C-alpha atoms as a PDB file:
ATOM      1  CA  MET A   1     109.055 178.863  92.608  1.00  0.00           C
ATOM      2  CA  ALA A   2     109.408 179.947  88.768  1.00  0.00           C
ATOM      3  CA  GLU A   3     106.222 180.550  86.485  1.00  0.00           C
ATOM      4  CA  SER A   4     107.038 177.318  85.007  1.00  0.00           C
ATOM      5  CA  GLU A   5     107.301 175.089  87.909  1.00  0.00           C
ATOM      6  CA  HIS A   6     104.370 173.873  89.879  1.00  0.00           C
ATOM      7  CA  TRP A   7     103.168 170.327  91.592  1.00  0.00           C
ATOM      8  CA  HIS A   8     101.245 168.472  88.873  1.00  0.00           C
ATOM      9  CA  TRP A   9      98.920 165.696  91.429  1.00  0.00           C
ATOM     10  CA  GLN A  10      95.504 166.063  90.416  1.00  0.00           C
ATOM     11  CA  GLU A  11      94.018 164.035  88.036  1.00  0.00           C
ATOM     12  CA  SER A  12      94.741 164.214  84.276  1.00  0.00           C
ATOM     13  CA  GLY A  13      92.873 167.503  82.575  1.00  0.00           C
ATOM     14  CA  THR A  14      91.572 169.035  85.919  1.00  0.00           C
ATOM     15  CA  ALA A  15      95.434 170.435  87.057  1.00  0.00           C
ATOM     16  CA  TRP A  16      94.592 173.198  89.276  1.00  0.00           C
ATOM     17  CA  ARG A  17      90.776 173.049  88.522  1.00  0.00           C
ATOM     18  CA  GLY A  18      90.052 169.654  90.355  1.00  0.00           C
ATOM     19  CA  ILE A  19      89.143 169.357  93.982  1.00  0.00           C
ATOM     20  CA  GLY A  20      92.561 170.829  96.217  1.00  0.00           C
ATOM     21  CA  ILE A  21      93.902 171.952  98.903  1.00  0.00           C
ATOM     22  CA  TYR A  22      96.115 175.306  98.322  1.00  0.00           C
ATOM     23  CA  HIS A  23      98.308 177.565 100.389  1.00  0.00           C
ATOM     24  CA  VAL A  24      97.996 181.337  99.260  1.00  0.00           C
ATOM     25  CA  THR A  25     100.336 184.013 100.243  1.00  0.00           C
ATOM     26  CA  LEU A  26      99.970 187.926  99.053  1.00  0.00           C
ATOM     27  CA  THR A  27     102.947 189.687 100.355  1.00  0.00           C
ATOM     28  CA  VAL A  28     103.920 193.489 100.010  1.00  0.00           C
ATOM     29  CA  PRO A  29     106.727 193.692  97.939  1.00  0.00           C
ATOM     30  CA  SER A  30     108.179 196.774  99.853  1.00  0.00           C
ATOM     31  CA  ARG A  31     107.654 194.654 103.134  1.00  0.00           C
ATOM     32  CA  GLU A  32     106.457 197.949 104.491  1.00  0.00           C
ATOM     33  CA  PRO A  33     103.309 197.132 107.333  1.00  0.00           C
ATOM     34  CA  LEU A  34     101.079 198.153 105.423  1.00  0.00           C
ATOM     35  CA  PHE A  35      98.415 195.585 106.860  1.00  0.00           C
ATOM     36  CA  GLY A  36      98.802 196.469 110.453  1.00  0.00           C
ATOM     37  CA  GLY A  37     101.269 196.193 113.343  1.00  0.00           C
ATOM     38  CA  LEU A  38     102.058 193.587 115.663  1.00  0.00           C
ATOM     39  CA  VAL A  39     101.434 193.956 119.372  1.00  0.00           C
ATOM     40  CA  ILE A  40     102.513 191.528 122.068  1.00  0.00           C
ATOM     41  CA  PRO A  41     100.928 191.681 125.253  1.00  0.00           C
ATOM     42  CA  GLY A  42     103.577 191.432 128.400  1.00  0.00           C
ATOM     43  CA  ASN A  43     106.487 190.468 125.742  1.00  0.00           C
ATOM     44  CA  ASP A  44     104.717 187.166 125.976  1.00  0.00           C
ATOM     45  CA  PRO A  45     105.165 185.708 122.261  1.00  0.00           C
ATOM     46  CA  SER A  46     101.865 183.550 122.720  1.00  0.00           C
ATOM     47  CA  LYS A  47      99.466 186.378 123.007  1.00  0.00           C
ATOM     48  CA  ALA A  48     100.887 187.843 119.508  1.00  0.00           C
ATOM     49  CA  LEU A  49      98.224 189.589 117.674  1.00  0.00           C
ATOM     50  CA  ILE A  50      98.377 191.914 114.798  1.00  0.00           C
ATOM     51  CA  GLU A  51      95.733 194.901 114.915  1.00  0.00           C
ATOM     52  CA  ARG A  52      94.443 196.087 111.917  1.00  0.00           C
ATOM     53  CA  THR A  53      94.636 198.381 109.578  1.00  0.00           C
ATOM     54  CA  ALA A  54      92.119 199.841 107.455  1.00  0.00           C
ATOM     55  CA  LEU A  55      93.787 198.351 104.423  1.00  0.00           C
ATOM     56  CA  GLY A  56      94.385 195.290 106.032  1.00  0.00           C
ATOM     57  CA  ASN A  57      90.781 194.645 107.029  1.00  0.00           C
ATOM     58  CA  ALA A  58      90.072 195.020 103.582  1.00  0.00           C
ATOM     59  CA  VAL A  59      92.736 193.063 101.834  1.00  0.00           C
ATOM     60  CA  VAL A  60      90.808 190.116 104.256  1.00  0.00           C
ATOM     61  CA  ASP A  61      87.526 191.189 103.234  1.00  0.00           C
ATOM     62  CA  GLU A  62      88.742 191.057  99.455  1.00  0.00           C
ATOM     63  CA  LEU A  63      89.167 186.868 100.626  1.00  0.00           C
ATOM     64  CA  TYR A  64      85.648 186.433 101.335  1.00  0.00           C
ATOM     65  CA  VAL A  65      84.357 188.300  98.026  1.00  0.00           C
ATOM     66  CA  MET A  66      86.233 185.779  96.301  1.00  0.00           C
ATOM     67  CA  CYS A  67      84.855 182.755  97.951  1.00  0.00           C
ATOM     68  CA  ARG A  68      80.978 184.502  97.824  1.00  0.00           C
ATOM     69  CA  HIS A  69      82.048 184.568  93.678  1.00  0.00           C
ATOM     70  CA  TYR A  70      83.474 180.976  93.886  1.00  0.00           C
ATOM     71  CA  PRO A  71      80.908 179.046  96.775  1.00  0.00           C
ATOM     72  CA  VAL A  72      83.052 175.897  96.257  1.00  0.00           C
ATOM     73  CA  ILE A  73      86.208 177.431  98.017  1.00  0.00           C
ATOM     74  CA  ARG A  74      86.677 177.369 101.553  1.00  0.00           C
ATOM     75  CA  ILE A  75      88.906 179.223 103.608  1.00  0.00           C
ATOM     76  CA  LEU A  76      90.291 176.428 106.026  1.00  0.00           C
ATOM     77  CA  GLN A  77      92.964 179.107 108.211  1.00  0.00           C
ATOM     78  CA  PHE A  78      93.978 182.610 107.197  1.00  0.00           C
ATOM     79  CA  CYS A  79      96.636 185.104 108.874  1.00  0.00           C
ATOM     80  CA  LEU A  80      97.229 188.425 108.136  1.00  0.00           C
ATOM     81  CA  MET A  81     100.483 189.969 109.004  1.00  0.00           C
ATOM     82  CA  PRO A  82     101.602 193.491 108.596  1.00  0.00           C
ATOM     83  CA  ASP A  83     103.290 193.050 105.200  1.00  0.00           C
ATOM     84  CA  HIS A  84     101.972 189.565 104.030  1.00  0.00           C
ATOM     85  CA  LEU A  85      98.904 186.900 103.899  1.00  0.00           C
ATOM     86  CA  HIS A  86      98.363 183.778 104.204  1.00  0.00           C
ATOM     87  CA  ALA A  87      95.717 181.819 103.329  1.00  0.00           C
ATOM     88  CA  VAL A  88      94.730 177.833 102.991  1.00  0.00           C
ATOM     89  CA  ILE A  89      91.797 177.303 100.936  1.00  0.00           C
ATOM     90  CA  TYR A  90      90.108 174.401 100.091  1.00  0.00           C
ATOM     91  CA  VAL A  91      88.440 173.757  96.518  1.00  0.00           C
ATOM     92  CA  THR A  92      85.737 171.134  97.045  1.00  0.00           C
ATOM     93  CA  GLN A  93      84.397 170.732  93.383  1.00  0.00           C
ATOM     94  CA  THR A  94      86.381 170.981  90.125  1.00  0.00           C
ATOM     95  CA  MET A  95      85.893 174.245  88.586  1.00  0.00           C
ATOM     96  CA  GLU A  96      85.630 176.143  85.018  1.00  0.00           C
ATOM     97  CA  ALA A  97      88.342 178.377  86.276  1.00  0.00           C
ATOM     98  CA  SER A  98      91.680 177.299  87.715  1.00  0.00           C
ATOM     99  CA  ILE A  99      92.528 178.431  91.097  1.00  0.00           C
ATOM    100  CA  ARG A 100      95.585 180.582  89.604  1.00  0.00           C
ATOM    101  CA  SER A 101      92.772 182.744  87.721  1.00  0.00           C
ATOM    102  CA  VAL A 102      90.901 182.660  90.828  1.00  0.00           C
ATOM    103  CA  VAL A 103      93.118 183.734  92.446  1.00  0.00           C
ATOM    104  CA  ARG A 104      94.355 186.048  90.045  1.00  0.00           C
ATOM    105  CA  GLY A 105      90.552 187.690  90.626  1.00  0.00           C
ATOM    106  CA  TYR A 106      91.923 188.322  93.971  1.00  0.00           C
ATOM    107  CA  TRP A 107      95.058 189.781  93.143  1.00  0.00           C
ATOM    108  CA  GLN A 108      93.287 192.529  90.885  1.00  0.00           C
ATOM    109  CA  GLY A 109      90.791 193.159  93.638  1.00  0.00           C
ATOM    110  CA  VAL A 110      93.666 193.822  96.226  1.00  0.00           C
ATOM    111  CA  LYS A 111      95.649 195.853  93.295  1.00  0.00           C
ATOM    112  CA  LYS A 112      92.603 198.020  93.226  1.00  0.00           C
ATOM    113  CA  LEU A 113      92.670 198.503  96.908  1.00  0.00           C
ATOM    114  CA  GLY A 114      96.493 199.591  96.977  1.00  0.00           C
ATOM    115  CA  ARG A 115      95.769 202.218  94.729  1.00  0.00           C
ATOM    116  CA  ALA A 116      93.053 203.411  96.373  1.00  0.00           C
ATOM    117  CA  TYR A 117      95.113 203.375  99.422  1.00  0.00           C
ATOM    118  CA  THR A 118      98.160 204.833  97.935  1.00  0.00           C
ATOM    119  CA  LEU A 119      95.894 208.048  96.575  1.00  0.00           C
ATOM    120  CA  SER A 120      93.945 208.538  99.784  1.00  0.00           C
ATOM    121  CA  ILE A 121      97.398 208.549 101.984  1.00  0.00           C
ATOM    122  CA  SER A 122      98.875 210.786  98.821  1.00  0.00           C
ATOM    123  CA  ALA A 123      96.013 213.105  99.245  1.00  0.00           C
ATOM    124  CA  GLU A 124      96.534 213.510 103.045  1.00  0.00           C
ATOM    125  CA  LEU A 125     100.258 214.612 102.595  1.00  0.00           C
ATOM    126  CA  ASN A 126      99.399 216.775  99.412  1.00  0.00           C
ATOM    127  CA  SER A 127      96.957 218.096 101.997  1.00  0.00           C
ATOM    128  CA  ALA A 128      99.250 218.293 104.807  1.00  0.00           C
ATOM    129  CA  LYS A 129     101.920 219.957 103.205  1.00  0.00           C
ATOM    130  CA  ARG A 130      99.480 222.817 101.743  1.00  0.00           C
ATOM    131  CA  ASP A 131      98.551 223.377 104.827  1.00  0.00           C
ATOM    132  CA  GLU A 132     102.822 224.332 105.779  1.00  0.00           C
ATOM    133  CA  GLY A 133     102.599 226.699 102.806  1.00  0.00           C
ATOM    134  CA  GLY A 134     104.111 224.085 100.470  1.00  0.00           C
ATOM    135  CA  ARG A 135     104.488 223.310  97.101  1.00  0.00           C
ATOM    136  CA  GLY A 136     103.808 219.986  94.935  1.00  0.00           C
ATOM    137  CA  ALA A 137     102.653 216.399  95.165  1.00  0.00           C
ATOM    138  CA  ALA A 138     104.139 214.411  97.746  1.00  0.00           C
ATOM    139  CA  THR A 139     106.862 212.013  96.849  1.00  0.00           C
ATOM    140  CA  ARG A 140     107.912 208.422  98.129  1.00  0.00           C
ATOM    141  CA  ASP A 141     111.219 209.850  99.690  1.00  0.00           C
ATOM    142  CA  GLU A 142     108.693 212.184 101.228  1.00  0.00           C
ATOM    143  CA  GLY A 143     107.279 209.515 102.776  1.00  0.00           C
ATOM    144  CA  GLY A 144     103.639 209.181 100.799  1.00  0.00           C
ATOM    145  CA  TYR A 145     102.943 206.061  99.208  1.00  0.00           C
ATOM    146  CA  PRO A 146     102.326 207.390  95.193  1.00  0.00           C
ATOM    147  CA  PHE A 147     103.216 203.390  93.642  1.00  0.00           C
ATOM    148  CA  PRO A 148     101.443 200.282  93.607  1.00  0.00           C
ATOM    149  CA  VAL A 149     101.355 198.470  96.497  1.00  0.00           C
ATOM    150  CA  PHE A 150     100.735 194.707  94.978  1.00  0.00           C
ATOM    151  CA  THR A 151     103.072 194.325  91.786  1.00  0.00           C
ATOM    152  CA  GLU A 152     103.417 190.485  92.960  1.00  0.00           C
ATOM    153  CA  ARG A 153     101.030 187.971  92.168  1.00  0.00           C
ATOM    154  CA  PRO A 154     100.216 185.561  94.869  1.00  0.00           C
ATOM    155  CA  PHE A 155     102.210 182.219  95.698  1.00  0.00           C
ATOM    156  CA  ILE A 156      99.674 179.505  94.907  1.00  0.00           C
ATOM    157  CA  ARG A 157     101.154 175.953  96.403  1.00  0.00           C
ATOM    158  CA  PRO A 158      99.237 173.020  95.964  1.00  0.00           C
ATOM    159  CA  LEU A 159      99.259 170.621  99.451  1.00  0.00           C
ATOM    160  CA  SER A 160      99.408 167.117  98.635  1.00  0.00           C
ATOM    161  CA  ARG A 161     101.524 164.888 101.193  1.00  0.00           C
ATOM    162  CA  ARG A 162      99.836 163.195 104.089  1.00  0.00           C
ATOM    163  CA  GLY A 163     100.324 165.132 107.006  1.00  0.00           C
ATOM    164  CA  GLN A 164     101.141 168.281 104.752  1.00  0.00           C
ATOM    165  CA  LEU A 165      97.870 170.103 105.756  1.00  0.00           C
ATOM    166  CA  ASN A 166      98.196 170.008 109.124  1.00  0.00           C
ATOM    167  CA  THR A 167     101.496 171.474 109.512  1.00  0.00           C
ATOM    168  CA  MET A 168     100.791 174.271 107.322  1.00  0.00           C
ATOM    169  CA  ILE A 169      97.624 175.200 109.431  1.00  0.00           C
ATOM    170  CA  ARG A 170      99.591 175.443 112.031  1.00  0.00           C
ATOM    171  CA  TYR A 171     102.430 177.238 110.582  1.00  0.00           C
ATOM    172  CA  VAL A 172      99.782 179.754 109.230  1.00  0.00           C
ATOM    173  CA  LYS A 173      98.156 180.254 112.660  1.00  0.00           C
ATOM    174  CA  MET A 174     102.085 180.361 114.616  1.00  0.00           C
ATOM    175  CA  ASN A 175     102.937 183.384 112.598  1.00  0.00           C
ATOM    176  CA  PRO A 176     102.417 186.091 115.123  1.00  0.00           C
ATOM    177  CA  GLN A 177     104.032 184.316 117.999  1.00  0.00           C
ATOM    178  CA  ARG A 178     106.798 183.378 115.447  1.00  0.00           C
ATOM    179  CA  LEU A 179     107.341 187.221 114.458  1.00  0.00           C
ATOM    180  CA  ALA A 180     107.171 188.303 117.932  1.00  0.00           C
ATOM    181  CA  THR A 181     110.168 185.707 119.036  1.00  0.00           C
ATOM    182  CA  LYS A 182     112.154 187.130 116.287  1.00  0.00           C
ATOM    183  CA  ARG A 183     111.360 190.601 117.537  1.00  0.00           C
ATOM    184  CA  LEU A 184     112.409 190.048 120.946  1.00  0.00           C
ATOM    185  CA  LYS A 185     115.534 188.109 120.075  1.00  0.00           C
ATOM    186  CA  PRO A 186     116.639 189.490 117.077  1.00  0.00           C
ATOM    187  CA  GLY A 187     120.364 188.282 117.584  1.00  0.00           C
ATOM    188  CA  PHE A 188     119.618 184.378 117.389  1.00  0.00           C
ATOM    189  CA  PHE A 189     117.823 185.043 113.434  1.00  0.00           C
ATOM    190  CA  ARG A 190     119.609 187.363 111.999  1.00  0.00           C
ATOM    191  CA  VAL A 191     121.818 186.136 109.455  1.00  0.00           C
ATOM    192  CA  GLN A 192     125.368 186.260 110.191  1.00  0.00           C
ATOM    193  CA  LYS A 193     127.862 186.381 107.657  1.00  0.00           C
ATOM    194  CA  ASP A 194     131.309 184.588 107.766  1.00  0.00           C
ATOM    195  CA  ILE A 195     131.864 182.810 110.840  1.00  0.00           C
ATOM    196  CA  ALA A 196     135.196 181.508 110.332  1.00  0.00           C
ATOM    197  CA  ILE A 197     135.925 178.129 111.519  1.00  0.00           C
ATOM    198  CA  GLY A 198     139.142 177.004 110.998  1.00  0.00           C
ATOM    199  CA  SER A 199     139.585 177.627 107.188  1.00  0.00           C
ATOM    200  CA  ARG A 200     136.017 177.779 105.829  1.00  0.00           C
ATOM    201  CA  LYS A 201     133.594 180.545 106.552  1.00  0.00           C
ATOM    202  CA  TYR A 202     129.902 180.478 106.970  1.00  0.00           C
ATOM    203  CA  ASP A 203     126.873 182.048 107.068  1.00  0.00           C
ATOM    204  CA  GLY A 204     124.706 181.104 110.007  1.00  0.00           C
ATOM    205  CA  VAL A 205     121.302 182.053 112.008  1.00  0.00           C
ATOM    206  CA  GLY A 206     121.054 180.835 115.622  1.00  0.00           C
ATOM    207  CA  ASN A 207     123.179 181.233 118.836  1.00  0.00           C
ATOM    208  CA  ALA A 208     127.058 181.647 117.556  1.00  0.00           C
ATOM    209  CA  ALA A 209     128.166 181.118 121.201  1.00  0.00           C
ATOM    210  CA  LEU A 210     127.586 177.404 120.885  1.00  0.00           C
ATOM    211  CA  LEU A 211     130.845 177.721 119.127  1.00  0.00           C
ATOM    212  CA  LEU A 212     132.693 178.527 122.316  1.00  0.00           C
ATOM    213  CA  GLU A 213     131.446 175.062 124.162  1.00  0.00           C
ATOM    214  CA  GLN A 214     133.580 172.308 125.746  1.00  0.00           C
ATOM    215  CA  ALA A 215     133.032 169.299 123.263  1.00  0.00           C
ATOM    216  CA  TYR A 216     131.703 168.630 119.885  1.00  0.00           C
ATOM    217  CA  ALA A 217     131.040 165.450 118.025  1.00  0.00           C
ATOM    218  CA  PRO A 218     129.815 164.620 114.697  1.00  0.00           C
ATOM    219  CA  VAL A 219     126.797 162.565 113.998  1.00  0.00           C
ATOM    220  CA  HIS A 220     127.589 160.632 110.654  1.00  0.00           C
ATOM    221  CA  VAL A 221     125.787 156.926 110.533  1.00  0.00           C
ATOM    222  CA  ARG A 222     127.825 155.114 108.108  1.00  0.00           C
ATOM    223  CA  HIS A 223     126.276 153.265 104.831  1.00  0.00           C
ATOM    224  CA  ILE A 224     127.872 149.845 106.263  1.00  0.00           C
ATOM    225  CA  TRP A 225     125.361 150.007 109.623  1.00  0.00           C
ATOM    226  CA  VAL A 226     122.601 150.513 107.164  1.00  0.00           C
ATOM    227  CA  GLU A 227     122.852 147.654 105.175  1.00  0.00           C
ATOM    228  CA  LYS A 228     123.898 145.614 108.349  1.00  0.00           C
ATOM    229  CA  ALA A 229     120.367 146.771 109.529  1.00  0.00           C
ATOM    230  CA  GLN A 230     118.639 145.946 106.790  1.00  0.00           C
ATOM    231  CA  HIS A 231     119.632 142.486 107.029  1.00  0.00           C
ATOM    232  CA  GLY A 232     118.872 142.089 110.420  1.00  0.00           C
ATOM    233  CA  ASP A 233     122.174 142.922 112.389  1.00  0.00           C
ATOM    234  CA  SER A 234     121.049 146.245 113.713  1.00  0.00           C
ATOM    235  CA  GLN A 235     123.026 146.248 116.872  1.00  0.00           C
ATOM    236  CA  GLU A 236     126.029 148.353 115.628  1.00  0.00           C
ATOM    237  CA  LEU A 237     123.437 150.807 113.959  1.00  0.00           C
ATOM    238  CA  ARG A 238     121.840 151.108 117.478  1.00  0.00           C
ATOM    239  CA  ASP A 239     124.679 151.507 119.629  1.00  0.00           C
ATOM    240  CA  TYR A 240     126.120 154.200 117.484  1.00  0.00           C
ATOM    241  CA  LYS A 241     122.839 156.278 117.658  1.00  0.00           C
ATOM    242  CA  ASN A 242     122.287 155.594 120.999  1.00  0.00           C
ATOM    243  CA  GLY A 243     126.129 156.776 121.825  1.00  0.00           C
ATOM    244  CA  CYS A 244     125.340 160.045 120.400  1.00  0.00           C
ATOM    245  CA  VAL A 245     122.344 160.944 122.404  1.00  0.00           C
ATOM    246  CA  LEU A 246     124.559 160.098 125.321  1.00  0.00           C
ATOM    247  CA  GLN A 247     127.415 162.238 124.327  1.00  0.00           C
ATOM    248  CA  ALA A 248     124.578 164.925 124.132  1.00  0.00           C
ATOM    249  CA  ARG A 249     123.545 164.140 127.724  1.00  0.00           C
ATOM    250  CA  LYS A 250     127.187 164.600 128.937  1.00  0.00           C
ATOM    251  CA  ALA A 251     126.858 168.490 127.310  1.00  0.00           C
ATOM    252  CA  VAL A 252     128.777 167.355 124.077  1.00  0.00           C
ATOM    253  CA  VAL A 253     127.345 169.706 121.285  1.00  0.00           C
ATOM    254  CA  MET A 254     126.505 167.368 118.411  1.00  0.00           C
ATOM    255  CA  VAL A 255     127.275 168.547 114.547  1.00  0.00           C
ATOM    256  CA  SER A 256     125.770 167.097 111.262  1.00  0.00           C
ATOM    257  CA  PRO A 257     123.749 167.864 108.413  1.00  0.00           C
ATOM    258  CA  PHE A 258     121.296 165.064 109.783  1.00  0.00           C
ATOM    259  CA  ILE A 259     120.422 163.885 106.434  1.00  0.00           C
ATOM    260  CA  SER A 260     119.700 160.282 106.484  1.00  0.00           C
ATOM    261  CA  PRO A 261     116.467 158.984 108.095  1.00  0.00           C
ATOM    262  CA  ASP A 262     118.563 157.054 111.219  1.00  0.00           C
ATOM    263  CA  GLU A 263     120.858 160.681 111.640  1.00  0.00           C
ATOM    264  CA  LYS A 264     117.189 162.491 111.403  1.00  0.00           C
ATOM    265  CA  GLN A 265     116.609 160.097 114.420  1.00  0.00           C
ATOM    266  CA  VAL A 266     118.981 161.465 116.198  1.00  0.00           C
ATOM    267  CA  GLN A 267     117.980 165.228 115.674  1.00  0.00           C
ATOM    268  CA  GLN A 268     114.818 164.287 116.978  1.00  0.00           C
ATOM    269  CA  VAL A 269     116.223 163.253 120.289  1.00  0.00           C
ATOM    270  CA  LEU A 270     117.994 166.218 120.732  1.00  0.00           C
ATOM    271  CA  LEU A 271     115.058 168.134 120.048  1.00  0.00           C
ATOM    272  CA  ARG A 272     112.550 166.619 122.177  1.00  0.00           C
ATOM    273  CA  GLU A 273     115.444 166.173 124.918  1.00  0.00           C
ATOM    274  CA  GLN A 274     116.397 170.282 124.329  1.00  0.00           C
ATOM    275  CA  HIS A 275     120.156 169.431 123.835  1.00  0.00           C
ATOM    276  CA  PRO A 276     122.026 171.711 121.686  1.00  0.00           C
ATOM    277  CA  PHE A 277     123.301 171.096 118.492  1.00  0.00           C
ATOM    278  CA  ILE A 278     124.854 172.550 114.822  1.00  0.00           C
ATOM    279  CA  LEU A 279     122.894 172.029 111.930  1.00  0.00           C
ATOM    280  CA  LEU A 280     124.536 172.427 108.754  1.00  0.00           C
ATOM    281  CA  THR A 281     122.341 173.091 105.521  1.00  0.00           C
ATOM    282  CA  ASP A 282     122.751 172.523 101.707  1.00  0.00           C
ATOM    283  CA  ASN A 283     121.714 176.421 101.102  1.00  0.00           C
ATOM    284  CA  GLY A 284     122.053 179.737 102.583  1.00  0.00           C
ATOM    285  CA  PHE A 285     119.873 182.110 104.020  1.00  0.00           C
ATOM    286  CA  ARG A 286     117.269 184.382 101.969  1.00  0.00           C
ATOM    287  CA  ASP A 287     115.709 187.711 103.195  1.00  0.00           C
ATOM    288  CA  TYR A 288     113.403 187.142 105.991  1.00  0.00           C
ATOM    289  CA  TYR A 289     114.475 183.522 106.757  1.00  0.00           C
ATOM    290  CA  LYS A 290     113.297 181.711 109.684  1.00  0.00           C
ATOM    291  CA  PRO A 291     113.957 178.428 111.059  1.00  0.00           C
ATOM    292  CA  ALA A 292     111.513 175.585 109.624  1.00  0.00           C
ATOM    293  CA  ASP A 293     108.943 174.318 112.043  1.00  0.00           C
ATOM    294  CA  SER A 294     110.325 171.719 113.930  1.00  0.00           C
ATOM    295  CA  LEU A 295     113.852 173.746 114.704  1.00  0.00           C
ATOM    296  CA  PHE A 296     112.434 177.250 115.261  1.00  0.00           C
ATOM    297  CA  ASP A 297     111.659 176.934 119.411  1.00  0.00           C
ATOM    298  CA  ALA A 298     115.318 175.482 119.462  1.00  0.00           C
ATOM    299  CA  CYS A 299     116.714 178.200 117.790  1.00  0.00           C
ATOM    300  CA  ALA A 300     114.643 180.713 119.625  1.00  0.00           C
ATOM    301  CA  GLN A 301     116.036 178.870 123.077  1.00  0.00           C
ATOM    302  CA  GLY A 302     119.273 179.190 121.727  1.00  0.00           C
ATOM    303  CA  ARG A 303     119.946 175.592 121.773  1.00  0.00           C
ATOM    304  CA  LEU A 304     120.774 175.893 117.769  1.00  0.00           C
ATOM    305  CA  LEU A 305     122.997 177.119 115.269  1.00  0.00           C
ATOM    306  CA  ILE A 306     122.132 176.534 111.461  1.00  0.00           C
ATOM    307  CA  LEU A 307     125.569 176.832 109.194  1.00  0.00           C
ATOM    308  CA  SER A 308     125.909 177.155 105.566  1.00  0.00           C
ATOM    309  CA  PRO A 309     128.750 176.885 103.534  1.00  0.00           C
ATOM    310  CA  TRP A 310     126.820 178.420 100.528  1.00  0.00           C
ATOM    311  CA  PRO A 311     124.930 181.275  99.424  1.00  0.00           C
ATOM    312  CA  TYR A 312     121.408 180.822  98.900  1.00  0.00           C
ATOM    313  CA  ASP A 313     120.030 179.747  95.590  1.00  0.00           C
ATOM    314  CA  GLY A 314     116.117 180.128  95.098  1.00  0.00           C
ATOM    315  CA  GLY A 315     116.249 177.277  92.187  1.00  0.00           C
ATOM    316  CA  LYS A 316     117.771 174.388  94.542  1.00  0.00           C
ATOM    317  CA  ARG A 317     115.556 171.782  94.869  1.00  0.00           C
ATOM    318  CA  HIS A 318     117.125 168.553  96.268  1.00  0.00           C
ATOM    319  CA  ILE A 319     119.961 168.120  97.823  1.00  0.00           C
ATOM    320  CA  SER A 320     122.925 165.973  95.681  1.00  0.00           C
ATOM    321  CA  ARG A 321     124.889 163.462  96.927  1.00  0.00           C
ATOM    322  CA  ALA A 322     127.979 165.536  96.748  1.00  0.00           C
ATOM    323  CA  ASP A 323     126.831 168.229  99.122  1.00  0.00           C
ATOM    324  CA  CYS A 324     126.078 165.300 101.300  1.00  0.00           C
ATOM    325  CA  VAL A 325     129.722 164.066 101.422  1.00  0.00           C
ATOM    326  CA  ALA A 326     130.676 167.767 101.488  1.00  0.00           C
ATOM    327  CA  LEU A 327     128.229 168.776 104.309  1.00  0.00           C
ATOM    328  CA  ASN A 328     129.773 165.632 106.523  1.00  0.00           C
ATOM    329  CA  THR A 329     133.031 166.219 106.011  1.00  0.00           C
ATOM    330  CA  MET A 330     132.674 169.905 107.140  1.00  0.00           C
ATOM    331  CA  ALA A 331     130.787 168.225 110.007  1.00  0.00           C
ATOM    332  CA  GLU A 332     133.840 166.500 111.113  1.00  0.00           C
ATOM    333  CA  GLU A 333     136.315 169.538 110.336  1.00  0.00           C
ATOM    334  CA  ILE A 334     134.014 171.697 112.196  1.00  0.00           C
ATOM    335  CA  CYS A 335     134.070 169.314 115.749  1.00  0.00           C
ATOM    336  CA  GLN A 336     138.401 168.420 115.357  1.00  0.00           C
ATOM    337  CA  HIS A 337     138.988 172.338 114.971  1.00  0.00           C
ATOM    338  CA  LEU A 338     136.579 173.506 118.044  1.00  0.00           C
ATOM    339  CA  ASN A 339     137.634 170.581 120.088  1.00  0.00           C
ATOM    340  CA  ALA A 340     141.806 171.155 119.212  1.00  0.00           C
ATOM    341  CA  THR A 341     140.996 175.317 120.210  1.00  0.00           C
ATOM    342  CA  GLU A 342     139.309 174.303 123.314  1.00  0.00           C
ATOM    343  CA  ALA A 343     142.108 171.737 124.295  1.00  0.00           C
ATOM    344  CA  GLY A 344     144.636 174.779 123.583  1.00  0.00           C
ATOM    345  CA  PRO A 345     148.207 173.960 123.319  1.00  0.00           C
ATOM    346  CA  SER A 346     149.948 171.430 124.909  1.00  0.00           C
END
């Protein structure tokens, strides 16, 4: 999120200072595992944990130092990962300082920790070089870290919508398990480039073998059915959604961007009944992408393929009507092409 973009949801005059809940993320820009290592006992992701380094422990301790300086702040949940820290914090009273300045102070503290860490590592490396008869200081290419560890400000996101807090706490708590799942099943979470389907190419995440199934059908709820339902005649809409689920139960792979509320209802049934499906999305895949909470397990179990015809755009916030129309058209094209390919020549 750009520095100039943020959510204004507090009462007038108290923006970023009033009572509120925030998700804070501190990242090692180099993505090196300086905070700890992932341990997966018995290759069971549900038991995954992070064994912290001294720097990792110090970064967590600094979080509590922040709370001691600002007693109105409570930590609701945090999770230290090998290369980043998530924290959900609760500001219980209006503060003189803004939450941004408070978190900036935390950042200044961890930057000092990072500098001390790099100096100690460099000293150890230089000592080892001297013992080996070498000359000169260690460089980054030689395996040292003589550079600032925390060059990026922490990301701060206010939580304001109903249900967002519970979702975020679960997301933070599940981070080690999700990372373990990705490590154990890397193929399902690696971005695959230029997947050719018919005349188009897509980037994808998930189980590409779903493109080799027997039958496919799009999920596209028509506006006229929704209008009829709004006027009391819901039979056609209900029959269509039920028909989609019945097809999935017969091993037909459903394909859709699942945009409208009725299409999302179909998607939820597919997830609940564990049917495979293909999801088209209006934005591509950033570095370190992982599917949203509701889709992660389906991806890990090989029941999902996410496709995007467009590259990732960090500034994109909302799907346009043109995107909706294009994605629904692509879903129908994919089904037509794959069904024709499966059928083979007549």
